[in-house]
Amino acid sequence: MKLTDKYVGYILVLPAIAIFCAIILYPFINSIFLSFTNKSFVSNEFSFVGLQNYKKIFLSPTFLQALKNTLIFVFFATALPFVGGLIWAIFLDLKFRGAGFLRGATLVNWIIPGASISFLWAFIFDTNRGIVNEFLKNIGIGSGTYNWLGSAETAMIVVILARTWQMLPWYMAFLTGGLQSISFDQIEAARMDGASNWTVLRKIVIPGMKPIMVITLVLGIIGNLQHFDIPQVLTAGGPAGATTMLSTLVYREAFSSYRMGSAATIGTIWAILLGIFSFLYSKKVARD
């Protein structure tokens, strides 16, 4: 009863701080420490190697290819569902009969597990029985047996399409909220002044949605930077490293090659990239 409000507050937040330190802060600090060692899963003994792991990683063609693949994936897997989600949100905002049903049906994609989505798209692009190959064969393009997931030129395209299909409802949901925050009176006044649909979109809708659009894009980039399940299940990083990304490379180094020090090094670099966009997101939220 003699404790001040200040100390009562400390006591109340102590359990949350303890849980945070146990399951987030300590593993993160430990992984940074391991990145300076040659720790392996096959032995309990390890030694401190300084920056040797970082030097090897930055000189490794595999890492550089994975970094390039990650940036390509993040760009297209963010831009495509964002644009598609914006178009779909505007269309459903017309409030025609059945718009609510379509909005609900669209959200089904979002709740399907990534592994199930991967199997679905693997079937769509299957070499022998895939819908895409059958369609192309029927219209006279190709032999109908093209190996989409086995070709370095097309495997990333399939992974991006699968991720786009999964995340389009998520972007639609966020952008729909942004659309509904725009004053309808503003739009009506612009139309009365003779503004076209394109002018209304460019001068009123997009500027009015700018805060939510920026937040949605940053969150989308963060999500795609750490995405793992679809590329892993669809291609496991292949063929020939064409879809290997930082997430799959960390998994391979840790659980296939058992090089924990190397995996921690890649993970630390990966965390720095995530931290940059997390910082931007935090600054944007604080500013708004």
C-alpha atoms as a PDB file:
ATOM      1  CA  MET A   1       0.000   0.000   0.000  1.00  0.00           C
ATOM      2  CA  LYS A   2       3.009   2.271   0.489  1.00  0.00           C
ATOM      3  CA  LEU A   3       4.191   1.870  -3.125  1.00  0.00           C
ATOM      4  CA  THR A   4       3.805   4.878  -5.371  1.00  0.00           C
ATOM      5  CA  ASP A   5       1.975   4.686  -8.705  1.00  0.00           C
ATOM      6  CA  LYS A   6       5.352   4.676 -10.442  1.00  0.00           C
ATOM      7  CA  TYR A   7       6.510   1.460  -8.746  1.00  0.00           C
ATOM      8  CA  VAL A   8       3.110  -0.190  -9.134  1.00  0.00           C
ATOM      9  CA  GLY A   9       3.442   0.482 -12.856  1.00  0.00           C
ATOM     10  CA  TYR A  10       6.875  -1.181 -12.891  1.00  0.00           C
ATOM     11  CA  ILE A  11       5.468  -4.256 -11.150  1.00  0.00           C
ATOM     12  CA  LEU A  12       2.577  -4.521 -13.599  1.00  0.00           C
ATOM     13  CA  VAL A  13       4.807  -4.418 -16.693  1.00  0.00           C
ATOM     14  CA  LEU A  14       7.492  -6.699 -15.205  1.00  0.00           C
ATOM     15  CA  PRO A  15       5.893  -9.995 -16.416  1.00  0.00           C
ATOM     16  CA  ALA A  16       5.638  -8.657 -19.985  1.00  0.00           C
ATOM     17  CA  ILE A  17       9.255  -7.447 -19.894  1.00  0.00           C
ATOM     18  CA  ALA A  18      10.410 -10.836 -18.549  1.00  0.00           C
ATOM     19  CA  ILE A  19       8.604 -12.706 -21.332  1.00  0.00           C
ATOM     20  CA  PHE A  20       9.994 -10.321 -23.959  1.00  0.00           C
ATOM     21  CA  CYS A  21      13.550 -10.809 -22.688  1.00  0.00           C
ATOM     22  CA  ALA A  22      13.185 -14.592 -22.505  1.00  0.00           C
ATOM     23  CA  ILE A  23      11.693 -15.312 -25.925  1.00  0.00           C
ATOM     24  CA  ILE A  24      12.816 -12.341 -28.057  1.00  0.00           C
ATOM     25  CA  LEU A  25      15.689 -10.301 -26.639  1.00  0.00           C
ATOM     26  CA  TYR A  26      17.900 -13.144 -25.377  1.00  0.00           C
ATOM     27  CA  PRO A  27      17.622 -15.297 -28.553  1.00  0.00           C
ATOM     28  CA  PHE A  28      18.357 -12.234 -30.680  1.00  0.00           C
ATOM     29  CA  ILE A  29      21.449 -11.247 -28.678  1.00  0.00           C
ATOM     30  CA  ASN A  30      22.585 -14.883 -28.604  1.00  0.00           C
ATOM     31  CA  SER A  31      22.261 -15.177 -32.390  1.00  0.00           C
ATOM     32  CA  ILE A  32      24.403 -12.055 -32.821  1.00  0.00           C
ATOM     33  CA  PHE A  33      27.024 -13.618 -30.538  1.00  0.00           C
ATOM     34  CA  LEU A  34      26.906 -16.890 -32.521  1.00  0.00           C
ATOM     35  CA  SER A  35      27.534 -14.956 -35.735  1.00  0.00           C
ATOM     36  CA  PHE A  36      31.059 -14.303 -34.451  1.00  0.00           C
ATOM     37  CA  THR A  37      31.718 -18.000 -33.808  1.00  0.00           C
ATOM     38  CA  ASN A  38      32.088 -21.233 -35.783  1.00  0.00           C
ATOM     39  CA  LYS A  39      29.281 -22.898 -33.830  1.00  0.00           C
ATOM     40  CA  SER A  40      27.911 -26.082 -35.414  1.00  0.00           C
ATOM     41  CA  PHE A  41      24.959 -28.313 -34.596  1.00  0.00           C
ATOM     42  CA  VAL A  42      27.153 -31.406 -34.793  1.00  0.00           C
ATOM     43  CA  SER A  43      29.496 -30.322 -31.974  1.00  0.00           C
ATOM     44  CA  ASN A  44      29.205 -28.570 -28.644  1.00  0.00           C
ATOM     45  CA  GLU A  45      32.644 -27.016 -29.014  1.00  0.00           C
ATOM     46  CA  PHE A  46      33.117 -23.745 -30.850  1.00  0.00           C
ATOM     47  CA  SER A  47      35.550 -20.869 -30.973  1.00  0.00           C
ATOM     48  CA  PHE A  48      35.390 -17.125 -31.549  1.00  0.00           C
ATOM     49  CA  VAL A  49      36.266 -16.213 -35.171  1.00  0.00           C
ATOM     50  CA  GLY A  50      35.579 -12.475 -35.163  1.00  0.00           C
ATOM     51  CA  LEU A  51      34.360 -11.054 -38.479  1.00  0.00           C
ATOM     52  CA  GLN A  52      35.429 -14.102 -40.470  1.00  0.00           C
ATOM     53  CA  ASN A  53      31.845 -15.280 -40.994  1.00  0.00           C
ATOM     54  CA  TYR A  54      30.769 -11.867 -42.275  1.00  0.00           C
ATOM     55  CA  LYS A  55      33.731 -11.749 -44.659  1.00  0.00           C
ATOM     56  CA  LYS A  56      32.863 -15.189 -46.054  1.00  0.00           C
ATOM     57  CA  ILE A  57      29.188 -14.310 -46.395  1.00  0.00           C
ATOM     58  CA  PHE A  58      29.748 -11.063 -48.286  1.00  0.00           C
ATOM     59  CA  LEU A  59      32.201 -12.803 -50.631  1.00  0.00           C
ATOM     60  CA  SER A  60      29.863 -15.750 -51.177  1.00  0.00           C
ATOM     61  CA  PRO A  61      28.090 -15.861 -54.585  1.00  0.00           C
ATOM     62  CA  THR A  62      25.299 -17.857 -52.916  1.00  0.00           C
ATOM     63  CA  PHE A  63      24.592 -15.082 -50.410  1.00  0.00           C
ATOM     64  CA  LEU A  64      24.770 -12.353 -53.041  1.00  0.00           C
ATOM     65  CA  GLN A  65      22.348 -14.302 -55.250  1.00  0.00           C
ATOM     66  CA  ALA A  66      20.014 -14.848 -52.284  1.00  0.00           C
ATOM     67  CA  LEU A  67      20.131 -11.127 -51.467  1.00  0.00           C
ATOM     68  CA  LYS A  68      19.329 -10.258 -55.080  1.00  0.00           C
ATOM     69  CA  ASN A  69      16.477 -12.798 -55.153  1.00  0.00           C
ATOM     70  CA  THR A  70      15.125 -11.403 -51.884  1.00  0.00           C
ATOM     71  CA  LEU A  71      15.046  -7.841 -53.229  1.00  0.00           C
ATOM     72  CA  ILE A  72      13.344  -8.979 -56.457  1.00  0.00           C
ATOM     73  CA  PHE A  73      10.786 -10.993 -54.514  1.00  0.00           C
ATOM     74  CA  VAL A  74      10.093  -8.192 -52.020  1.00  0.00           C
ATOM     75  CA  PHE A  75       9.609  -5.619 -54.785  1.00  0.00           C
ATOM     76  CA  PHE A  76       7.213  -7.582 -56.966  1.00  0.00           C
ATOM     77  CA  ALA A  77       5.452  -9.473 -54.150  1.00  0.00           C
ATOM     78  CA  THR A  78       4.689  -6.093 -52.568  1.00  0.00           C
ATOM     79  CA  ALA A  79       3.909  -4.012 -55.666  1.00  0.00           C
ATOM     80  CA  LEU A  80       1.633  -6.517 -57.455  1.00  0.00           C
ATOM     81  CA  PRO A  81      -0.786  -7.292 -54.584  1.00  0.00           C
ATOM     82  CA  PHE A  82      -0.730  -3.625 -53.545  1.00  0.00           C
ATOM     83  CA  VAL A  83      -1.866  -2.449 -56.984  1.00  0.00           C
ATOM     84  CA  GLY A  84      -4.299  -5.340 -57.318  1.00  0.00           C
ATOM     85  CA  GLY A  85      -5.658  -4.770 -53.825  1.00  0.00           C
ATOM     86  CA  LEU A  86      -6.126  -1.045 -54.518  1.00  0.00           C
ATOM     87  CA  ILE A  87      -8.023  -1.716 -57.756  1.00  0.00           C
ATOM     88  CA  TRP A  88     -10.170  -4.371 -56.086  1.00  0.00           C
ATOM     89  CA  ALA A  89     -10.856  -2.131 -53.066  1.00  0.00           C
ATOM     90  CA  ILE A  90     -11.990   0.725 -55.326  1.00  0.00           C
ATOM     91  CA  PHE A  91     -14.202  -1.653 -57.320  1.00  0.00           C
ATOM     92  CA  LEU A  92     -15.847  -3.108 -54.211  1.00  0.00           C
ATOM     93  CA  ASP A  93     -16.301   0.383 -52.756  1.00  0.00           C
ATOM     94  CA  LEU A  94     -18.859   1.075 -55.508  1.00  0.00           C
ATOM     95  CA  LYS A  95     -21.372  -0.630 -53.185  1.00  0.00           C
ATOM     96  CA  PHE A  96     -23.177  -2.642 -55.835  1.00  0.00           C
ATOM     97  CA  ARG A  97     -25.267  -5.686 -54.972  1.00  0.00           C
ATOM     98  CA  GLY A  98     -22.975  -8.564 -54.019  1.00  0.00           C
ATOM     99  CA  ALA A  99     -19.982  -6.340 -53.127  1.00  0.00           C
ATOM    100  CA  GLY A 100     -20.060  -7.517 -49.514  1.00  0.00           C
ATOM    101  CA  PHE A 101     -20.084 -11.165 -50.585  1.00  0.00           C
ATOM    102  CA  LEU A 102     -17.144 -10.621 -52.954  1.00  0.00           C
ATOM    103  CA  ARG A 103     -15.195  -8.848 -50.220  1.00  0.00           C
ATOM    104  CA  GLY A 104     -15.751 -11.748 -47.848  1.00  0.00           C
ATOM    105  CA  ALA A 105     -14.918 -14.328 -50.522  1.00  0.00           C
ATOM    106  CA  THR A 106     -11.700 -12.487 -51.342  1.00  0.00           C
ATOM    107  CA  LEU A 107     -10.547 -12.696 -47.726  1.00  0.00           C
ATOM    108  CA  VAL A 108     -10.564 -16.508 -47.935  1.00  0.00           C
ATOM    109  CA  ASN A 109      -7.161 -16.386 -49.681  1.00  0.00           C
ATOM    110  CA  TRP A 110      -5.688 -14.622 -46.684  1.00  0.00           C
ATOM    111  CA  ILE A 111      -6.659 -17.290 -44.130  1.00  0.00           C
ATOM    112  CA  ILE A 112      -5.435 -20.279 -46.150  1.00  0.00           C
ATOM    113  CA  PRO A 113      -2.076 -21.576 -44.808  1.00  0.00           C
ATOM    114  CA  GLY A 114       0.959 -20.832 -46.953  1.00  0.00           C
ATOM    115  CA  ALA A 115       1.759 -24.534 -47.394  1.00  0.00           C
ATOM    116  CA  SER A 116      -1.709 -25.186 -48.841  1.00  0.00           C
ATOM    117  CA  ILE A 117      -1.341 -22.225 -51.198  1.00  0.00           C
ATOM    118  CA  SER A 118       2.006 -23.613 -52.328  1.00  0.00           C
ATOM    119  CA  PHE A 119       0.492 -26.999 -53.176  1.00  0.00           C
ATOM    120  CA  LEU A 120      -2.350 -25.270 -55.049  1.00  0.00           C
ATOM    121  CA  TRP A 121       0.022 -23.235 -57.218  1.00  0.00           C
ATOM    122  CA  ALA A 122       2.313 -26.231 -57.703  1.00  0.00           C
ATOM    123  CA  PHE A 123      -0.695 -28.039 -59.181  1.00  0.00           C
ATOM    124  CA  ILE A 124      -1.648 -25.045 -61.349  1.00  0.00           C
ATOM    125  CA  PHE A 125       1.853 -24.960 -62.855  1.00  0.00           C
ATOM    126  CA  ASP A 126       2.418 -28.719 -62.819  1.00  0.00           C
ATOM    127  CA  THR A 127       4.478 -29.957 -65.773  1.00  0.00           C
ATOM    128  CA  ASN A 128       2.117 -32.735 -66.882  1.00  0.00           C
ATOM    129  CA  ARG A 129      -1.317 -31.936 -65.444  1.00  0.00           C
ATOM    130  CA  GLY A 130      -1.113 -28.209 -64.740  1.00  0.00           C
ATOM    131  CA  ILE A 131      -3.930 -25.877 -65.739  1.00  0.00           C
ATOM    132  CA  VAL A 132      -1.528 -23.332 -67.227  1.00  0.00           C
ATOM    133  CA  ASN A 133       0.204 -25.852 -69.502  1.00  0.00           C
ATOM    134  CA  GLU A 134      -3.142 -27.301 -70.616  1.00  0.00           C
ATOM    135  CA  PHE A 135      -4.458 -23.838 -71.422  1.00  0.00           C
ATOM    136  CA  LEU A 136      -1.337 -22.865 -73.385  1.00  0.00           C
ATOM    137  CA  LYS A 137      -1.444 -26.156 -75.270  1.00  0.00           C
ATOM    138  CA  ASN A 138      -5.109 -25.671 -76.197  1.00  0.00           C
ATOM    139  CA  ILE A 139      -4.444 -22.232 -77.683  1.00  0.00           C
ATOM    140  CA  GLY A 140      -1.447 -23.518 -79.600  1.00  0.00           C
ATOM    141  CA  ILE A 141       1.379 -22.146 -77.442  1.00  0.00           C
ATOM    142  CA  GLY A 142       4.029 -24.656 -76.390  1.00  0.00           C
ATOM    143  CA  SER A 143       3.915 -28.416 -75.990  1.00  0.00           C
ATOM    144  CA  GLY A 144       1.958 -28.391 -72.740  1.00  0.00           C
ATOM    145  CA  THR A 145       4.798 -29.874 -70.691  1.00  0.00           C
ATOM    146  CA  TYR A 146       6.840 -26.826 -69.700  1.00  0.00           C
ATOM    147  CA  ASN A 147       8.503 -27.218 -66.286  1.00  0.00           C
ATOM    148  CA  TRP A 148       7.667 -23.869 -64.679  1.00  0.00           C
ATOM    149  CA  LEU A 149       9.046 -24.683 -61.228  1.00  0.00           C
ATOM    150  CA  GLY A 150      12.089 -26.479 -62.651  1.00  0.00           C
ATOM    151  CA  SER A 151      13.251 -23.583 -64.801  1.00  0.00           C
ATOM    152  CA  ALA A 152      15.442 -20.824 -63.382  1.00  0.00           C
ATOM    153  CA  GLU A 153      13.716 -18.303 -65.696  1.00  0.00           C
ATOM    154  CA  THR A 154      10.172 -18.946 -64.441  1.00  0.00           C
ATOM    155  CA  ALA A 155      10.377 -20.400 -60.904  1.00  0.00           C
ATOM    156  CA  MET A 156      10.546 -16.967 -59.250  1.00  0.00           C
ATOM    157  CA  ILE A 157       7.532 -15.829 -61.302  1.00  0.00           C
ATOM    158  CA  VAL A 158       5.447 -18.680 -59.869  1.00  0.00           C
ATOM    159  CA  VAL A 159       6.589 -17.916 -56.307  1.00  0.00           C
ATOM    160  CA  ILE A 160       5.697 -14.234 -56.713  1.00  0.00           C
ATOM    161  CA  LEU A 161       2.290 -15.067 -58.199  1.00  0.00           C
ATOM    162  CA  ALA A 162       1.506 -17.431 -55.320  1.00  0.00           C
ATOM    163  CA  ARG A 163       2.472 -14.790 -52.764  1.00  0.00           C
ATOM    164  CA  THR A 164       0.486 -12.136 -54.655  1.00  0.00           C
ATOM    165  CA  TRP A 165      -2.616 -14.344 -54.639  1.00  0.00           C
ATOM    166  CA  GLN A 166      -2.185 -14.924 -50.901  1.00  0.00           C
ATOM    167  CA  MET A 167      -1.670 -11.289 -49.903  1.00  0.00           C
ATOM    168  CA  LEU A 168      -4.018  -9.395 -52.228  1.00  0.00           C
ATOM    169  CA  PRO A 169      -6.921  -9.676 -49.701  1.00  0.00           C
ATOM    170  CA  TRP A 170      -4.682  -8.273 -46.946  1.00  0.00           C
ATOM    171  CA  TYR A 171      -3.880  -5.184 -49.014  1.00  0.00           C
ATOM    172  CA  MET A 172      -7.523  -4.882 -50.044  1.00  0.00           C
ATOM    173  CA  ALA A 173      -8.663  -4.891 -46.396  1.00  0.00           C
ATOM    174  CA  PHE A 174      -6.216  -2.148 -45.371  1.00  0.00           C
ATOM    175  CA  LEU A 175      -6.879   0.002 -48.437  1.00  0.00           C
ATOM    176  CA  THR A 176     -10.643  -0.384 -48.075  1.00  0.00           C
ATOM    177  CA  GLY A 177     -10.320   1.215 -44.649  1.00  0.00           C
ATOM    178  CA  GLY A 178      -8.390   4.070 -46.237  1.00  0.00           C
ATOM    179  CA  LEU A 179     -11.041   4.535 -48.910  1.00  0.00           C
ATOM    180  CA  GLN A 180     -13.819   4.711 -46.361  1.00  0.00           C
ATOM    181  CA  SER A 181     -12.018   7.516 -44.522  1.00  0.00           C
ATOM    182  CA  ILE A 182     -12.252   9.818 -47.572  1.00  0.00           C
ATOM    183  CA  SER A 183     -15.107  12.323 -47.480  1.00  0.00           C
ATOM    184  CA  PHE A 184     -17.792  11.453 -50.026  1.00  0.00           C
ATOM    185  CA  ASP A 185     -18.811  15.126 -50.132  1.00  0.00           C
ATOM    186  CA  GLN A 186     -15.357  15.998 -51.437  1.00  0.00           C
ATOM    187  CA  ILE A 187     -15.721  13.538 -54.292  1.00  0.00           C
ATOM    188  CA  GLU A 188     -19.212  14.764 -55.122  1.00  0.00           C
ATOM    189  CA  ALA A 189     -18.013  18.385 -55.173  1.00  0.00           C
ATOM    190  CA  ALA A 190     -15.210  17.467 -57.555  1.00  0.00           C
ATOM    191  CA  ARG A 191     -17.637  15.677 -59.871  1.00  0.00           C
ATOM    192  CA  MET A 192     -19.938  18.697 -59.884  1.00  0.00           C
ATOM    193  CA  ASP A 193     -16.947  20.778 -60.994  1.00  0.00           C
ATOM    194  CA  GLY A 194     -16.508  18.425 -63.946  1.00  0.00           C
ATOM    195  CA  ALA A 195     -13.640  16.289 -62.636  1.00  0.00           C
ATOM    196  CA  SER A 196     -13.195  12.939 -64.374  1.00  0.00           C
ATOM    197  CA  ASN A 197     -12.806   9.619 -62.556  1.00  0.00           C
ATOM    198  CA  TRP A 198      -9.047   9.719 -63.163  1.00  0.00           C
ATOM    199  CA  THR A 199      -8.825  13.261 -61.761  1.00  0.00           C
ATOM    200  CA  VAL A 200     -10.824  12.272 -58.669  1.00  0.00           C
ATOM    201  CA  LEU A 201      -8.542   9.287 -58.138  1.00  0.00           C
ATOM    202  CA  ARG A 202      -5.335  11.293 -58.629  1.00  0.00           C
ATOM    203  CA  LYS A 203      -6.296  14.498 -56.815  1.00  0.00           C
ATOM    204  CA  ILE A 204      -8.575  13.287 -54.013  1.00  0.00           C
ATOM    205  CA  VAL A 205      -8.536   9.532 -53.433  1.00  0.00           C
ATOM    206  CA  ILE A 206      -4.786   8.811 -53.538  1.00  0.00           C
ATOM    207  CA  PRO A 207      -3.742  11.918 -51.506  1.00  0.00           C
ATOM    208  CA  GLY A 208      -6.439  11.104 -48.947  1.00  0.00           C
ATOM    209  CA  MET A 209      -5.206   7.520 -48.683  1.00  0.00           C
ATOM    210  CA  LYS A 210      -1.501   8.376 -48.582  1.00  0.00           C
ATOM    211  CA  PRO A 211      -0.966   7.696 -44.827  1.00  0.00           C
ATOM    212  CA  ILE A 212      -2.581   4.246 -44.936  1.00  0.00           C
ATOM    213  CA  MET A 213      -0.884   3.446 -48.254  1.00  0.00           C
ATOM    214  CA  VAL A 214       2.579   4.204 -46.836  1.00  0.00           C
ATOM    215  CA  ILE A 215       1.949   2.117 -43.705  1.00  0.00           C
ATOM    216  CA  THR A 216       0.546  -0.746 -45.791  1.00  0.00           C
ATOM    217  CA  LEU A 217       3.552  -0.733 -48.120  1.00  0.00           C
ATOM    218  CA  VAL A 218       6.064  -0.711 -45.255  1.00  0.00           C
ATOM    219  CA  LEU A 219       4.252  -3.545 -43.470  1.00  0.00           C
ATOM    220  CA  GLY A 220       4.082  -5.466 -46.749  1.00  0.00           C
ATOM    221  CA  ILE A 221       7.823  -5.058 -47.297  1.00  0.00           C
ATOM    222  CA  ILE A 222       8.551  -6.246 -43.744  1.00  0.00           C
ATOM    223  CA  GLY A 223       6.307  -9.281 -44.231  1.00  0.00           C
ATOM    224  CA  ASN A 224       7.909 -10.226 -47.545  1.00  0.00           C
ATOM    225  CA  LEU A 225      11.437  -9.754 -46.225  1.00  0.00           C
ATOM    226  CA  GLN A 226      10.782 -12.460 -43.642  1.00  0.00           C
ATOM    227  CA  HIS A 227       8.546 -14.673 -45.765  1.00  0.00           C
ATOM    228  CA  PHE A 228       9.537 -18.336 -45.824  1.00  0.00           C
ATOM    229  CA  ASP A 229       6.824 -20.932 -46.354  1.00  0.00           C
ATOM    230  CA  ILE A 230       5.764 -20.420 -49.994  1.00  0.00           C
ATOM    231  CA  PRO A 231       9.277 -20.367 -51.565  1.00  0.00           C
ATOM    232  CA  GLN A 232      10.399 -23.223 -49.327  1.00  0.00           C
ATOM    233  CA  VAL A 233       7.439 -25.497 -50.108  1.00  0.00           C
ATOM    234  CA  LEU A 234       7.206 -24.603 -53.809  1.00  0.00           C
ATOM    235  CA  THR A 235      10.861 -24.751 -54.820  1.00  0.00           C
ATOM    236  CA  ALA A 236      13.024 -25.185 -51.676  1.00  0.00           C
ATOM    237  CA  GLY A 237      15.180 -22.384 -53.078  1.00  0.00           C
ATOM    238  CA  GLY A 238      15.769 -24.050 -56.443  1.00  0.00           C
ATOM    239  CA  PRO A 239      16.350 -24.604 -59.221  1.00  0.00           C
ATOM    240  CA  ALA A 240      20.057 -23.761 -59.005  1.00  0.00           C
ATOM    241  CA  GLY A 241      19.382 -21.129 -56.349  1.00  0.00           C
ATOM    242  CA  ALA A 242      16.946 -19.169 -58.541  1.00  0.00           C
ATOM    243  CA  THR A 243      14.453 -18.749 -55.671  1.00  0.00           C
ATOM    244  CA  THR A 244      16.839 -18.943 -52.719  1.00  0.00           C
ATOM    245  CA  MET A 245      16.172 -15.999 -50.422  1.00  0.00           C
ATOM    246  CA  LEU A 246      17.599 -14.920 -47.086  1.00  0.00           C
ATOM    247  CA  SER A 247      14.903 -16.829 -45.205  1.00  0.00           C
ATOM    248  CA  THR A 248      15.512 -20.107 -47.053  1.00  0.00           C
ATOM    249  CA  LEU A 249      19.292 -19.625 -46.956  1.00  0.00           C
ATOM    250  CA  VAL A 250      19.256 -19.265 -43.158  1.00  0.00           C
ATOM    251  CA  TYR A 251      17.177 -22.446 -42.899  1.00  0.00           C
ATOM    252  CA  ARG A 252      19.532 -24.335 -45.204  1.00  0.00           C
ATOM    253  CA  GLU A 253      22.679 -23.195 -43.387  1.00  0.00           C
ATOM    254  CA  ALA A 254      21.261 -24.050 -39.959  1.00  0.00           C
ATOM    255  CA  PHE A 255      19.298 -27.265 -40.545  1.00  0.00           C
ATOM    256  CA  SER A 256      20.842 -28.785 -43.688  1.00  0.00           C
ATOM    257  CA  SER A 257      24.503 -27.784 -43.402  1.00  0.00           C
ATOM    258  CA  TYR A 258      24.395 -27.466 -39.574  1.00  0.00           C
ATOM    259  CA  ARG A 259      26.536 -24.307 -39.700  1.00  0.00           C
ATOM    260  CA  MET A 260      24.919 -22.356 -36.889  1.00  0.00           C
ATOM    261  CA  GLY A 261      27.515 -19.570 -36.945  1.00  0.00           C
ATOM    262  CA  SER A 262      27.009 -18.955 -40.652  1.00  0.00           C
ATOM    263  CA  ALA A 263      23.223 -19.081 -40.289  1.00  0.00           C
ATOM    264  CA  ALA A 264      23.375 -16.574 -37.420  1.00  0.00           C
ATOM    265  CA  THR A 265      25.510 -14.262 -39.556  1.00  0.00           C
ATOM    266  CA  ILE A 266      22.977 -14.269 -42.396  1.00  0.00           C
ATOM    267  CA  GLY A 267      20.189 -13.875 -39.854  1.00  0.00           C
ATOM    268  CA  THR A 268      21.866 -10.822 -38.336  1.00  0.00           C
ATOM    269  CA  ILE A 269      22.195  -9.159 -41.755  1.00  0.00           C
ATOM    270  CA  TRP A 270      18.587 -10.098 -42.461  1.00  0.00           C
ATOM    271  CA  ALA A 271      17.500  -8.579 -39.126  1.00  0.00           C
ATOM    272  CA  ILE A 272      19.288  -5.324 -39.976  1.00  0.00           C
ATOM    273  CA  LEU A 273      17.286  -5.067 -43.223  1.00  0.00           C
ATOM    274  CA  LEU A 274      14.081  -5.748 -41.311  1.00  0.00           C
ATOM    275  CA  GLY A 275      15.097  -3.220 -38.683  1.00  0.00           C
ATOM    276  CA  ILE A 276      15.438  -0.454 -41.266  1.00  0.00           C
ATOM    277  CA  PHE A 277      11.845  -0.856 -42.451  1.00  0.00           C
ATOM    278  CA  SER A 278      10.579  -1.437 -38.907  1.00  0.00           C
ATOM    279  CA  PHE A 279      12.176   1.890 -37.925  1.00  0.00           C
ATOM    280  CA  LEU A 280      10.493   3.615 -40.874  1.00  0.00           C
ATOM    281  CA  TYR A 281       7.160   2.103 -39.869  1.00  0.00           C
ATOM    282  CA  SER A 282       7.594   3.229 -36.254  1.00  0.00           C
ATOM    283  CA  LYS A 283       8.487   6.764 -37.338  1.00  0.00           C
ATOM    284  CA  LYS A 284       5.462   6.915 -39.629  1.00  0.00           C
ATOM    285  CA  VAL A 285       3.080   5.691 -36.927  1.00  0.00           C
ATOM    286  CA  ALA A 286       4.542   8.106 -34.363  1.00  0.00           C
ATOM    287  CA  ARG A 287       4.231  11.008 -36.807  1.00  0.00           C
ATOM    288  CA  ASP A 288       0.596  10.206 -37.558  1.00  0.00           C
END
